[in-house]
């Protein structure tokens, strides 16, 4: 968490690699991004081919 705060604490835009599964996480790492993010739609679209309307996490 300290690395992320240091990265974002300068007031400048920070390049973040977007990922949605293990393969894309590995690509983000290999490309050298200082941090990464993941979003619900990307995960649900890649795994289930469904839109993320909140139904996938409601049990």
C-alpha atoms as a PDB file:
ATOM      1  CA  UNK A   1       0.000   0.000   0.000  1.00  0.00           C
ATOM      2  CA  UNK A   2       2.914   2.333   0.704  1.00  0.00           C
ATOM      3  CA  UNK A   3       4.212   1.925  -2.862  1.00  0.00           C
ATOM      4  CA  UNK A   4       0.803   2.857  -4.284  1.00  0.00           C
ATOM      5  CA  UNK A   5       0.548   5.919  -2.038  1.00  0.00           C
ATOM      6  CA  UNK A   6       4.033   6.999  -3.097  1.00  0.00           C
ATOM      7  CA  UNK A   7       3.152   6.462  -6.760  1.00  0.00           C
ATOM      8  CA  UNK A   8      -0.068   8.476  -6.548  1.00  0.00           C
ATOM      9  CA  UNK A   9       1.124  11.067  -4.034  1.00  0.00           C
ATOM     10  CA  UNK A  10       3.019  13.211  -6.524  1.00  0.00           C
ATOM     11  CA  UNK A  11      -0.077  14.739  -8.083  1.00  0.00           C
ATOM     12  CA  UNK A  12       0.873  13.453 -11.542  1.00  0.00           C
ATOM     13  CA  UNK A  13      -0.965  10.838 -13.597  1.00  0.00           C
ATOM     14  CA  UNK A  14       0.335   7.325 -12.983  1.00  0.00           C
ATOM     15  CA  UNK A  15       0.328   4.663 -15.709  1.00  0.00           C
ATOM     16  CA  UNK A  16      -1.640   1.629 -14.524  1.00  0.00           C
ATOM     17  CA  UNK A  17      -1.971  -1.624 -16.408  1.00  0.00           C
ATOM     18  CA  UNK A  18      -5.503  -2.986 -16.671  1.00  0.00           C
ATOM     19  CA  UNK A  19      -5.934  -6.717 -16.083  1.00  0.00           C
ATOM     20  CA  UNK A  20      -8.797  -9.186 -16.029  1.00  0.00           C
ATOM     21  CA  UNK A  21      -7.193 -12.596 -15.535  1.00  0.00           C
ATOM     22  CA  UNK A  22      -3.876 -14.246 -14.753  1.00  0.00           C
ATOM     23  CA  UNK A  23      -2.545 -13.936 -18.289  1.00  0.00           C
ATOM     24  CA  UNK A  24      -3.213 -10.218 -18.504  1.00  0.00           C
ATOM     25  CA  UNK A  25      -1.720  -9.764 -15.009  1.00  0.00           C
ATOM     26  CA  UNK A  26       1.455 -11.449 -16.200  1.00  0.00           C
ATOM     27  CA  UNK A  27       1.554  -9.155 -19.260  1.00  0.00           C
ATOM     28  CA  UNK A  28       1.136  -6.072 -17.066  1.00  0.00           C
ATOM     29  CA  UNK A  29       4.026  -7.292 -14.943  1.00  0.00           C
ATOM     30  CA  UNK A  30       6.264  -8.027 -17.957  1.00  0.00           C
ATOM     31  CA  UNK A  31       5.560  -4.626 -19.502  1.00  0.00           C
ATOM     32  CA  UNK A  32       6.810  -2.987 -16.330  1.00  0.00           C
ATOM     33  CA  UNK A  33       3.762  -1.061 -15.146  1.00  0.00           C
ATOM     34  CA  UNK A  34       4.319   0.269 -11.620  1.00  0.00           C
ATOM     35  CA  UNK A  35       0.797  -0.765 -10.573  1.00  0.00           C
ATOM     36  CA  UNK A  36      -2.261  -2.494 -11.974  1.00  0.00           C
ATOM     37  CA  UNK A  37      -6.021  -2.366 -11.618  1.00  0.00           C
ATOM     38  CA  UNK A  38      -8.874  -4.781 -12.151  1.00  0.00           C
ATOM     39  CA  UNK A  39     -12.524  -3.977 -12.752  1.00  0.00           C
ATOM     40  CA  UNK A  40     -15.690  -5.990 -12.345  1.00  0.00           C
ATOM     41  CA  UNK A  41     -16.881  -5.731 -15.921  1.00  0.00           C
ATOM     42  CA  UNK A  42     -13.599  -6.980 -17.372  1.00  0.00           C
ATOM     43  CA  UNK A  43     -13.626 -10.033 -15.106  1.00  0.00           C
ATOM     44  CA  UNK A  44     -17.269 -10.905 -15.689  1.00  0.00           C
ATOM     45  CA  UNK A  45     -16.996 -10.354 -19.441  1.00  0.00           C
ATOM     46  CA  UNK A  46     -13.893 -12.512 -19.758  1.00  0.00           C
ATOM     47  CA  UNK A  47     -15.094 -15.333 -17.499  1.00  0.00           C
ATOM     48  CA  UNK A  48     -18.822 -15.471 -18.120  1.00  0.00           C
ATOM     49  CA  UNK A  49     -19.455 -13.387 -21.248  1.00  0.00           C
ATOM     50  CA  UNK A  50     -22.002 -11.464 -19.191  1.00  0.00           C
ATOM     51  CA  UNK A  51     -22.319  -7.788 -18.437  1.00  0.00           C
ATOM     52  CA  UNK A  52     -21.584  -6.659 -14.900  1.00  0.00           C
ATOM     53  CA  UNK A  53     -24.874  -5.470 -13.460  1.00  0.00           C
ATOM     54  CA  UNK A  54     -24.127  -6.657  -9.965  1.00  0.00           C
ATOM     55  CA  UNK A  55     -25.697 -10.094 -10.341  1.00  0.00           C
ATOM     56  CA  UNK A  56     -22.472 -12.069 -10.352  1.00  0.00           C
ATOM     57  CA  UNK A  57     -21.510 -11.083  -6.816  1.00  0.00           C
ATOM     58  CA  UNK A  58     -24.976 -11.378  -5.283  1.00  0.00           C
ATOM     59  CA  UNK A  59     -25.472 -14.740  -3.649  1.00  0.00           C
END
